Amino acid sequence: MDLKEKVVFNERIGHPVQGLYKVVLSGEAAKTARPGQFLHIQVTDTSDPLLRRPLSIAGIDPERGEVTIYYRIKGKGTELLSRIPTDQYLSVLGPLGTGFSIPEKGELLLIAGGIGMFPLFSVIQAAQKVPVKIKVLWGGENKDFLDSADLNLLLQKGLDVELSTLDGSCGEEGLVTALLEKYLADKNTQQLLSKGLLRAAACGPNGMLKAVAGICRNNDVPLEVSLEERMACGVGACLGCVCTVRDANGGLKRKRVCKEGPVMNGQEVVWDADI
């Protein structure tokens, strides 16, 4: 659906060196948006840049008619987006894609790497409306990044959060996968697994997701992952964002990240596939 969404907030958050921004859009998208979906945003009225920018939804407020999106300046498109003033209208396709499933009971484990936490904010928002416990593992480069990426907002929700940073400036030193392995080795976690009461969702760089998928597979943890791929059309027509998955019979097939994803079964994705 091609929508006109009004910009009600668009400002840099945190330390300038991180290049992080938060934009809030008001319009029809909030009525149908689901955790894990994305919006395909046209950042200019000209043909430069030609393609829209796919940005994951981080917050959904149907009553106010608002969706929240975080983004990092990575190129011309996001740099142009950062200049758009409030009260301006943007052409938006969406909400698009397949989102996360929210369990009704047990524990939901969220694993994030870097800005991969942003799509999981919407998962937290939805999960807090049902009787499920939420556990968060988040790894970032350093404390400055985590603080800039709205860590305080996460902590204010009263969730069980464990952090890691590459330089040890916040939480444990190292990768978020180390936190995951430690958590899954815990006796209480093993009890949850034995009762089928633990599910996981992850978002971050593909290398991290590959490692997380391997750990979850070895521990029989059901896992959904949100894949990060370059998207051109956003509706599955151009086939520019396909990934390889393994079906129930062991065969390989292609799926479109923008259409069948971006959220997929982490155990079905064939990482580093070349077919």
C-alpha atoms as a PDB file:
ATOM      1  CA  MET A   1       0.000   0.000   0.000  1.00  0.00           C
ATOM      2  CA  ASP A   2       1.379   3.408  -1.001  1.00  0.00           C
ATOM      3  CA  LEU A   3       0.821   5.765   1.919  1.00  0.00           C
ATOM      4  CA  LYS A   4       1.521   9.367   2.783  1.00  0.00           C
ATOM      5  CA  GLU A   5       3.000   9.445   6.278  1.00  0.00           C
ATOM      6  CA  LYS A   6       3.587  12.676   8.187  1.00  0.00           C
ATOM      7  CA  VAL A   7       6.940  13.201   9.913  1.00  0.00           C
ATOM      8  CA  VAL A   8       6.219  14.205  13.516  1.00  0.00           C
ATOM      9  CA  PHE A   9       9.742  13.619  14.870  1.00  0.00           C
ATOM     10  CA  ASN A  10      13.102  13.165  13.148  1.00  0.00           C
ATOM     11  CA  GLU A  11      16.167  13.856  15.259  1.00  0.00           C
ATOM     12  CA  ARG A  12      19.608  12.507  16.016  1.00  0.00           C
ATOM     13  CA  ILE A  13      19.869  10.461  19.189  1.00  0.00           C
ATOM     14  CA  GLY A  14      22.951   9.917  21.317  1.00  0.00           C
ATOM     15  CA  HIS A  15      26.509  10.844  20.442  1.00  0.00           C
ATOM     16  CA  PRO A  16      26.954  12.401  16.978  1.00  0.00           C
ATOM     17  CA  VAL A  17      29.733   9.962  16.058  1.00  0.00           C
ATOM     18  CA  GLN A  18      27.220   7.088  16.131  1.00  0.00           C
ATOM     19  CA  GLY A  19      25.072   8.641  13.388  1.00  0.00           C
ATOM     20  CA  LEU A  20      21.841   7.314  14.899  1.00  0.00           C
ATOM     21  CA  TYR A  21      18.440   8.895  14.304  1.00  0.00           C
ATOM     22  CA  LYS A  22      14.860   8.261  15.345  1.00  0.00           C
ATOM     23  CA  VAL A  23      11.906   9.169  13.143  1.00  0.00           C
ATOM     24  CA  VAL A  24       8.232   8.972  14.080  1.00  0.00           C
ATOM     25  CA  LEU A  25       5.661   8.818  11.278  1.00  0.00           C
ATOM     26  CA  SER A  26       1.950   9.495  11.639  1.00  0.00           C
ATOM     27  CA  GLY A  27      -0.609   7.969   9.301  1.00  0.00           C
ATOM     28  CA  GLU A  28      -2.210   4.718   8.233  1.00  0.00           C
ATOM     29  CA  ALA A  29       0.813   2.409   8.625  1.00  0.00           C
ATOM     30  CA  ALA A  30       0.319   2.021  12.378  1.00  0.00           C
ATOM     31  CA  LYS A  31      -3.107   0.432  11.870  1.00  0.00           C
ATOM     32  CA  THR A  32      -1.751  -2.760  10.301  1.00  0.00           C
ATOM     33  CA  ALA A  33       1.947  -2.841  11.268  1.00  0.00           C
ATOM     34  CA  ARG A  34       3.312  -5.945  13.001  1.00  0.00           C
ATOM     35  CA  PRO A  35       6.621  -6.547  14.840  1.00  0.00           C
ATOM     36  CA  GLY A  36       9.384  -7.383  12.371  1.00  0.00           C
ATOM     37  CA  GLN A  37       7.813  -5.707   9.345  1.00  0.00           C
ATOM     38  CA  PHE A  38       9.383  -2.761   7.526  1.00  0.00           C
ATOM     39  CA  LEU A  39       8.454   0.376   5.618  1.00  0.00           C
ATOM     40  CA  HIS A  40       9.851   1.234   2.183  1.00  0.00           C
ATOM     41  CA  ILE A  41      10.436   4.976   2.330  1.00  0.00           C
ATOM     42  CA  GLN A  42      11.017   7.429  -0.507  1.00  0.00           C
ATOM     43  CA  VAL A  43      13.420  10.020   0.876  1.00  0.00           C
ATOM     44  CA  THR A  44      13.219  12.576  -1.953  1.00  0.00           C
ATOM     45  CA  ASP A  45      10.847  13.776  -4.661  1.00  0.00           C
ATOM     46  CA  THR A  46      13.572  13.405  -7.301  1.00  0.00           C
ATOM     47  CA  SER A  47      15.037  10.283  -8.905  1.00  0.00           C
ATOM     48  CA  ASP A  48      18.307  10.614  -6.958  1.00  0.00           C
ATOM     49  CA  PRO A  49      18.451   8.307  -5.144  1.00  0.00           C
ATOM     50  CA  LEU A  50      16.149   6.210  -7.284  1.00  0.00           C
ATOM     51  CA  LEU A  51      15.376   3.439  -4.811  1.00  0.00           C
ATOM     52  CA  ARG A  52      13.374   3.625  -1.617  1.00  0.00           C
ATOM     53  CA  ARG A  53      14.972   2.816   1.731  1.00  0.00           C
ATOM     54  CA  PRO A  54      13.708  -0.264   3.652  1.00  0.00           C
ATOM     55  CA  LEU A  55      13.620   0.546   7.373  1.00  0.00           C
ATOM     56  CA  SER A  56      12.456  -1.791  10.127  1.00  0.00           C
ATOM     57  CA  ILE A  57       9.616  -0.780  12.394  1.00  0.00           C
ATOM     58  CA  ALA A  58      10.713  -0.336  16.020  1.00  0.00           C
ATOM     59  CA  GLY A  59       7.512   0.922  17.614  1.00  0.00           C
ATOM     60  CA  ILE A  60       3.796   0.754  16.834  1.00  0.00           C
ATOM     61  CA  ASP A  61       1.134   2.960  18.419  1.00  0.00           C
ATOM     62  CA  PRO A  62      -2.219   2.288  16.710  1.00  0.00           C
ATOM     63  CA  GLU A  63      -4.122   4.651  19.022  1.00  0.00           C
ATOM     64  CA  ARG A  64      -1.931   7.623  18.089  1.00  0.00           C
ATOM     65  CA  GLY A  65      -1.504   6.347  14.545  1.00  0.00           C
ATOM     66  CA  GLU A  66       2.295   6.428  14.820  1.00  0.00           C
ATOM     67  CA  VAL A  67       5.190   4.152  13.958  1.00  0.00           C
ATOM     68  CA  THR A  68       8.734   4.651  15.216  1.00  0.00           C
ATOM     69  CA  ILE A  69      11.832   3.830  13.194  1.00  0.00           C
ATOM     70  CA  TYR A  70      15.508   4.049  14.106  1.00  0.00           C
ATOM     71  CA  TYR A  71      18.159   4.385  11.442  1.00  0.00           C
ATOM     72  CA  ARG A  72      21.859   5.004  11.042  1.00  0.00           C
ATOM     73  CA  ILE A  73      23.311   7.253   8.360  1.00  0.00           C
ATOM     74  CA  LYS A  74      25.094   4.908   5.959  1.00  0.00           C
ATOM     75  CA  GLY A  75      24.846   6.710   2.635  1.00  0.00           C
ATOM     76  CA  LYS A  76      23.073   9.326   0.579  1.00  0.00           C
ATOM     77  CA  GLY A  77      19.564   8.001   1.187  1.00  0.00           C
ATOM     78  CA  THR A  78      19.690   7.955   4.970  1.00  0.00           C
ATOM     79  CA  GLU A  79      21.584  11.242   5.004  1.00  0.00           C
ATOM     80  CA  LEU A  80      18.749  12.837   3.015  1.00  0.00           C
ATOM     81  CA  LEU A  81      16.219  11.267   5.368  1.00  0.00           C
ATOM     82  CA  SER A  82      17.957  12.866   8.348  1.00  0.00           C
ATOM     83  CA  ARG A  83      17.340  16.325   6.817  1.00  0.00           C
ATOM     84  CA  ILE A  84      13.583  15.936   6.405  1.00  0.00           C
ATOM     85  CA  PRO A  85      11.763  18.356   8.733  1.00  0.00           C
ATOM     86  CA  THR A  86       8.701  17.671  10.832  1.00  0.00           C
ATOM     87  CA  ASP A  87       5.277  18.142   9.224  1.00  0.00           C
ATOM     88  CA  GLN A  88       6.593  16.990   5.843  1.00  0.00           C
ATOM     89  CA  TYR A  89       4.871  14.007   4.214  1.00  0.00           C
ATOM     90  CA  LEU A  90       6.764  10.985   2.908  1.00  0.00           C
ATOM     91  CA  SER A  91       5.724   8.408   0.332  1.00  0.00           C
ATOM     92  CA  VAL A  92       5.785   5.071   2.133  1.00  0.00           C
ATOM     93  CA  LEU A  93       5.112   1.524   0.932  1.00  0.00           C
ATOM     94  CA  GLY A  94       3.982  -0.812   3.650  1.00  0.00           C
ATOM     95  CA  PRO A  95       3.936  -2.211   6.148  1.00  0.00           C
ATOM     96  CA  LEU A  96       5.747  -4.929   4.193  1.00  0.00           C
ATOM     97  CA  GLY A  97       7.138  -8.376   4.846  1.00  0.00           C
ATOM     98  CA  THR A  98       6.571 -11.186   7.310  1.00  0.00           C
ATOM     99  CA  GLY A  99       7.065 -10.359  10.974  1.00  0.00           C
ATOM    100  CA  PHE A 100       7.921 -12.166  14.205  1.00  0.00           C
ATOM    101  CA  SER A 101       5.572 -14.557  15.976  1.00  0.00           C
ATOM    102  CA  ILE A 102       4.868 -13.764  19.628  1.00  0.00           C
ATOM    103  CA  PRO A 103       4.506 -16.766  21.981  1.00  0.00           C
ATOM    104  CA  GLU A 104       1.647 -16.737  24.469  1.00  0.00           C
ATOM    105  CA  LYS A 105       3.565 -18.398  27.308  1.00  0.00           C
ATOM    106  CA  GLY A 106       7.014 -19.407  28.520  1.00  0.00           C
ATOM    107  CA  GLU A 107      10.088 -17.300  27.792  1.00  0.00           C
ATOM    108  CA  LEU A 108      11.008 -15.282  24.724  1.00  0.00           C
ATOM    109  CA  LEU A 109      14.758 -14.829  24.274  1.00  0.00           C
ATOM    110  CA  LEU A 110      15.794 -11.822  22.177  1.00  0.00           C
ATOM    111  CA  ILE A 111      19.346 -11.723  20.803  1.00  0.00           C
ATOM    112  CA  ALA A 112      20.575  -8.524  19.166  1.00  0.00           C
ATOM    113  CA  GLY A 113      23.801  -7.387  17.589  1.00  0.00           C
ATOM    114  CA  GLY A 114      24.343  -3.633  17.227  1.00  0.00           C
ATOM    115  CA  ILE A 115      21.442  -1.812  15.591  1.00  0.00           C
ATOM    116  CA  GLY A 116      19.715  -5.179  15.271  1.00  0.00           C
ATOM    117  CA  MET A 117      18.105  -4.273  18.587  1.00  0.00           C
ATOM    118  CA  PHE A 118      15.848  -1.725  16.924  1.00  0.00           C
ATOM    119  CA  PRO A 119      13.439  -4.168  15.186  1.00  0.00           C
ATOM    120  CA  LEU A 120      13.258  -6.132  18.440  1.00  0.00           C
ATOM    121  CA  PHE A 121      11.890  -3.085  20.273  1.00  0.00           C
ATOM    122  CA  SER A 122       8.570  -3.744  18.520  1.00  0.00           C
ATOM    123  CA  VAL A 123       8.726  -7.401  19.564  1.00  0.00           C
ATOM    124  CA  ILE A 124       9.150  -6.335  23.191  1.00  0.00           C
ATOM    125  CA  GLN A 125       6.216  -3.975  22.847  1.00  0.00           C
ATOM    126  CA  ALA A 126       3.972  -6.804  21.628  1.00  0.00           C
ATOM    127  CA  ALA A 127       5.315  -9.440  24.035  1.00  0.00           C
ATOM    128  CA  GLN A 128       4.628  -7.245  27.051  1.00  0.00           C
ATOM    129  CA  LYS A 129       0.920  -7.534  26.255  1.00  0.00           C
ATOM    130  CA  VAL A 130       0.884 -11.319  26.789  1.00  0.00           C
ATOM    131  CA  PRO A 131       1.978 -13.522  29.731  1.00  0.00           C
ATOM    132  CA  VAL A 132       5.444 -14.343  28.434  1.00  0.00           C
ATOM    133  CA  LYS A 133       8.764 -13.599  30.137  1.00  0.00           C
ATOM    134  CA  ILE A 134      11.247 -11.588  28.074  1.00  0.00           C
ATOM    135  CA  LYS A 135      15.018 -12.066  28.223  1.00  0.00           C
ATOM    136  CA  VAL A 136      17.291  -9.738  26.224  1.00  0.00           C
ATOM    137  CA  LEU A 137      20.903 -10.311  25.159  1.00  0.00           C
ATOM    138  CA  TRP A 138      22.393  -7.291  23.373  1.00  0.00           C
ATOM    139  CA  GLY A 139      25.915  -6.860  22.091  1.00  0.00           C
ATOM    140  CA  GLY A 140      27.424  -3.629  20.801  1.00  0.00           C
ATOM    141  CA  GLU A 141      30.742  -2.040  19.996  1.00  0.00           C
ATOM    142  CA  ASN A 142      31.022  -0.024  23.206  1.00  0.00           C
ATOM    143  CA  LYS A 143      29.086   1.756  25.948  1.00  0.00           C
ATOM    144  CA  ASP A 144      28.783   4.925  23.869  1.00  0.00           C
ATOM    145  CA  PHE A 145      26.924   2.992  21.182  1.00  0.00           C
ATOM    146  CA  LEU A 146      24.552   1.270  23.608  1.00  0.00           C
ATOM    147  CA  ASP A 147      23.755   4.526  25.397  1.00  0.00           C
ATOM    148  CA  SER A 148      23.170   6.280  22.072  1.00  0.00           C
ATOM    149  CA  ALA A 149      20.920   3.444  20.878  1.00  0.00           C
ATOM    150  CA  ASP A 150      18.353   4.072  23.631  1.00  0.00           C
ATOM    151  CA  LEU A 151      19.645   1.523  26.153  1.00  0.00           C
ATOM    152  CA  ASN A 152      17.968   3.491  28.941  1.00  0.00           C
ATOM    153  CA  LEU A 153      14.611   3.110  27.201  1.00  0.00           C
ATOM    154  CA  LEU A 154      15.107  -0.646  27.271  1.00  0.00           C
ATOM    155  CA  LEU A 155      16.174  -0.704  30.916  1.00  0.00           C
ATOM    156  CA  GLN A 156      13.196   1.415  31.948  1.00  0.00           C
ATOM    157  CA  LYS A 157      10.898  -1.384  30.804  1.00  0.00           C
ATOM    158  CA  GLY A 158      12.122  -3.501  33.721  1.00  0.00           C
ATOM    159  CA  LEU A 159      13.284  -6.375  31.531  1.00  0.00           C
ATOM    160  CA  ASP A 160      15.954  -8.976  32.228  1.00  0.00           C
ATOM    161  CA  VAL A 161      18.784  -7.577  30.101  1.00  0.00           C
ATOM    162  CA  GLU A 162      22.382  -8.764  29.673  1.00  0.00           C
ATOM    163  CA  LEU A 163      24.886  -6.713  27.685  1.00  0.00           C
ATOM    164  CA  SER A 164      28.232  -7.242  26.017  1.00  0.00           C
ATOM    165  CA  THR A 165      30.659  -4.874  24.315  1.00  0.00           C
ATOM    166  CA  LEU A 166      33.751  -5.529  22.250  1.00  0.00           C
ATOM    167  CA  ASP A 167      35.889  -3.336  24.507  1.00  0.00           C
ATOM    168  CA  GLY A 168      34.296  -4.318  27.817  1.00  0.00           C
ATOM    169  CA  SER A 169      33.104  -0.767  28.532  1.00  0.00           C
ATOM    170  CA  CYS A 170      29.574  -2.017  29.309  1.00  0.00           C
ATOM    171  CA  GLY A 171      28.530  -5.495  30.380  1.00  0.00           C
ATOM    172  CA  GLU A 172      30.770  -8.431  29.563  1.00  0.00           C
ATOM    173  CA  GLU A 173      33.680  -8.068  27.164  1.00  0.00           C
ATOM    174  CA  GLY A 174      33.207  -9.995  23.954  1.00  0.00           C
ATOM    175  CA  LEU A 175      30.445 -11.078  21.607  1.00  0.00           C
ATOM    176  CA  VAL A 176      26.763 -11.510  22.331  1.00  0.00           C
ATOM    177  CA  THR A 177      27.094 -15.157  21.296  1.00  0.00           C
ATOM    178  CA  ALA A 178      29.122 -15.768  24.462  1.00  0.00           C
ATOM    179  CA  LEU A 179      26.184 -14.475  26.501  1.00  0.00           C
ATOM    180  CA  LEU A 180      23.899 -16.810  24.568  1.00  0.00           C
ATOM    181  CA  GLU A 181      26.020 -19.887  25.247  1.00  0.00           C
ATOM    182  CA  LYS A 182      26.225 -19.020  28.940  1.00  0.00           C
ATOM    183  CA  TYR A 183      22.477 -18.490  29.170  1.00  0.00           C
ATOM    184  CA  LEU A 184      21.619 -21.761  27.438  1.00  0.00           C
ATOM    185  CA  ALA A 185      23.960 -23.692  29.750  1.00  0.00           C
ATOM    186  CA  ASP A 186      22.043 -22.482  32.818  1.00  0.00           C
ATOM    187  CA  LYS A 187      20.026 -25.146  34.644  1.00  0.00           C
ATOM    188  CA  ASN A 188      16.846 -23.054  34.691  1.00  0.00           C
ATOM    189  CA  THR A 189      17.097 -22.497  30.950  1.00  0.00           C
ATOM    190  CA  GLN A 190      17.526 -26.222  30.382  1.00  0.00           C
ATOM    191  CA  GLN A 191      14.312 -26.832  32.311  1.00  0.00           C
ATOM    192  CA  LEU A 192      12.462 -24.377  30.078  1.00  0.00           C
ATOM    193  CA  LEU A 193      13.805 -26.146  27.006  1.00  0.00           C
ATOM    194  CA  SER A 194      12.782 -29.571  28.287  1.00  0.00           C
ATOM    195  CA  LYS A 195       9.209 -28.282  28.637  1.00  0.00           C
ATOM    196  CA  GLY A 196       9.183 -26.569  25.240  1.00  0.00           C
ATOM    197  CA  LEU A 197       8.778 -23.162  26.863  1.00  0.00           C
ATOM    198  CA  LEU A 198      11.672 -21.267  25.260  1.00  0.00           C
ATOM    199  CA  ARG A 199      11.701 -19.533  21.888  1.00  0.00           C
ATOM    200  CA  ALA A 200      14.291 -17.148  20.468  1.00  0.00           C
ATOM    201  CA  ALA A 201      14.300 -14.228  18.047  1.00  0.00           C
ATOM    202  CA  ALA A 202      17.439 -12.568  16.713  1.00  0.00           C
ATOM    203  CA  CYS A 203      18.475  -9.629  14.568  1.00  0.00           C
ATOM    204  CA  GLY A 204      21.906  -8.345  13.638  1.00  0.00           C
ATOM    205  CA  PRO A 205      24.714  -8.826  11.116  1.00  0.00           C
ATOM    206  CA  ASN A 206      24.553 -12.040   9.087  1.00  0.00           C
ATOM    207  CA  GLY A 207      27.744 -13.366  10.661  1.00  0.00           C
ATOM    208  CA  MET A 208      26.223 -13.020  14.106  1.00  0.00           C
ATOM    209  CA  LEU A 209      22.943 -14.601  12.983  1.00  0.00           C
ATOM    210  CA  LYS A 210      24.803 -17.562  11.510  1.00  0.00           C
ATOM    211  CA  ALA A 211      26.578 -18.130  14.833  1.00  0.00           C
ATOM    212  CA  VAL A 212      23.351 -17.699  16.813  1.00  0.00           C
ATOM    213  CA  ALA A 213      21.545 -20.161  14.534  1.00  0.00           C
ATOM    214  CA  GLY A 214      24.274 -22.744  15.081  1.00  0.00           C
ATOM    215  CA  ILE A 215      24.134 -22.382  18.857  1.00  0.00           C
ATOM    216  CA  CYS A 216      20.342 -22.566  18.908  1.00  0.00           C
ATOM    217  CA  ARG A 217      20.364 -25.604  16.612  1.00  0.00           C
ATOM    218  CA  ASN A 218      22.777 -27.425  18.924  1.00  0.00           C
ATOM    219  CA  ASN A 219      20.490 -26.691  21.867  1.00  0.00           C
ATOM    220  CA  ASP A 220      17.154 -27.366  20.118  1.00  0.00           C
ATOM    221  CA  VAL A 221      15.966 -23.782  20.540  1.00  0.00           C
ATOM    222  CA  PRO A 222      13.271 -22.658  18.059  1.00  0.00           C
ATOM    223  CA  LEU A 223      14.639 -19.513  16.397  1.00  0.00           C
ATOM    224  CA  GLU A 224      13.341 -16.736  14.190  1.00  0.00           C
ATOM    225  CA  VAL A 225      15.798 -14.349  12.554  1.00  0.00           C
ATOM    226  CA  SER A 226      15.316 -11.006  10.844  1.00  0.00           C
ATOM    227  CA  LEU A 227      17.596 -10.929   7.805  1.00  0.00           C
ATOM    228  CA  GLU A 228      19.391  -7.849   6.561  1.00  0.00           C
ATOM    229  CA  GLU A 229      19.542  -7.694   2.769  1.00  0.00           C
ATOM    230  CA  ARG A 230      19.571  -4.902   0.210  1.00  0.00           C
ATOM    231  CA  MET A 231      16.063  -4.463  -1.170  1.00  0.00           C
ATOM    232  CA  ALA A 232      15.101  -2.701  -4.375  1.00  0.00           C
ATOM    233  CA  CYS A 233      11.366  -3.093  -4.982  1.00  0.00           C
ATOM    234  CA  GLY A 234      10.321  -4.250  -1.502  1.00  0.00           C
ATOM    235  CA  VAL A 235       7.451  -6.383  -2.829  1.00  0.00           C
ATOM    236  CA  GLY A 236       9.232  -9.451  -4.223  1.00  0.00           C
ATOM    237  CA  ALA A 237       9.126  -8.570  -7.911  1.00  0.00           C
ATOM    238  CA  CYS A 238      12.790  -7.839  -8.647  1.00  0.00           C
ATOM    239  CA  LEU A 239      14.268 -10.911  -6.878  1.00  0.00           C
ATOM    240  CA  GLY A 240      17.172  -8.784  -5.708  1.00  0.00           C
ATOM    241  CA  CYS A 241      17.041  -9.908  -2.081  1.00  0.00           C
ATOM    242  CA  VAL A 242      16.692 -13.682  -2.291  1.00  0.00           C
ATOM    243  CA  CYS A 243      18.224 -16.021   0.260  1.00  0.00           C
ATOM    244  CA  THR A 244      18.562 -19.799   0.311  1.00  0.00           C
ATOM    245  CA  VAL A 245      16.582 -21.989   2.703  1.00  0.00           C
ATOM    246  CA  ARG A 246      16.296 -25.722   3.267  1.00  0.00           C
ATOM    247  CA  ASP A 247      12.796 -27.197   3.055  1.00  0.00           C
ATOM    248  CA  ALA A 248      11.336 -30.038   5.129  1.00  0.00           C
ATOM    249  CA  ASN A 249      12.682 -32.620   2.658  1.00  0.00           C
ATOM    250  CA  GLY A 250      16.213 -31.245   2.787  1.00  0.00           C
ATOM    251  CA  GLY A 251      16.035 -29.580  -0.609  1.00  0.00           C
ATOM    252  CA  LEU A 252      17.289 -26.061  -1.271  1.00  0.00           C
ATOM    253  CA  LYS A 253      15.095 -23.253  -2.528  1.00  0.00           C
ATOM    254  CA  ARG A 254      15.096 -19.475  -2.771  1.00  0.00           C
ATOM    255  CA  LYS A 255      12.951 -17.118  -0.733  1.00  0.00           C
ATOM    256  CA  ARG A 256      12.534 -13.378  -1.098  1.00  0.00           C
ATOM    257  CA  VAL A 257      13.646 -11.564   2.047  1.00  0.00           C
ATOM    258  CA  CYS A 258      11.275  -8.652   1.401  1.00  0.00           C
ATOM    259  CA  LYS A 259       8.237 -10.914   0.874  1.00  0.00           C
ATOM    260  CA  GLU A 260       8.639 -14.231   2.709  1.00  0.00           C
ATOM    261  CA  GLY A 261      10.899 -12.427   5.183  1.00  0.00           C
ATOM    262  CA  PRO A 262      12.585 -10.453   6.551  1.00  0.00           C
ATOM    263  CA  VAL A 263      11.720 -12.753   9.472  1.00  0.00           C
ATOM    264  CA  MET A 264      12.420 -16.419   8.752  1.00  0.00           C
ATOM    265  CA  ASN A 265      12.981 -19.693  10.553  1.00  0.00           C
ATOM    266  CA  GLY A 266      16.617 -19.462  11.608  1.00  0.00           C
ATOM    267  CA  GLN A 267      17.102 -23.219  11.284  1.00  0.00           C
ATOM    268  CA  GLU A 268      15.962 -23.222   7.657  1.00  0.00           C
ATOM    269  CA  VAL A 269      18.258 -20.450   6.402  1.00  0.00           C
ATOM    270  CA  VAL A 270      21.327 -21.795   4.591  1.00  0.00           C
ATOM    271  CA  TRP A 271      24.092 -19.423   5.597  1.00  0.00           C
ATOM    272  CA  ASP A 272      26.812 -18.728   3.005  1.00  0.00           C
ATOM    273  CA  ALA A 273      24.814 -20.637   0.392  1.00  0.00           C
ATOM    274  CA  ASP A 274      25.884 -20.501  -3.257  1.00  0.00           C
ATOM    275  CA  ILE A 275      23.227 -22.009  -5.512  1.00  0.00           C
END
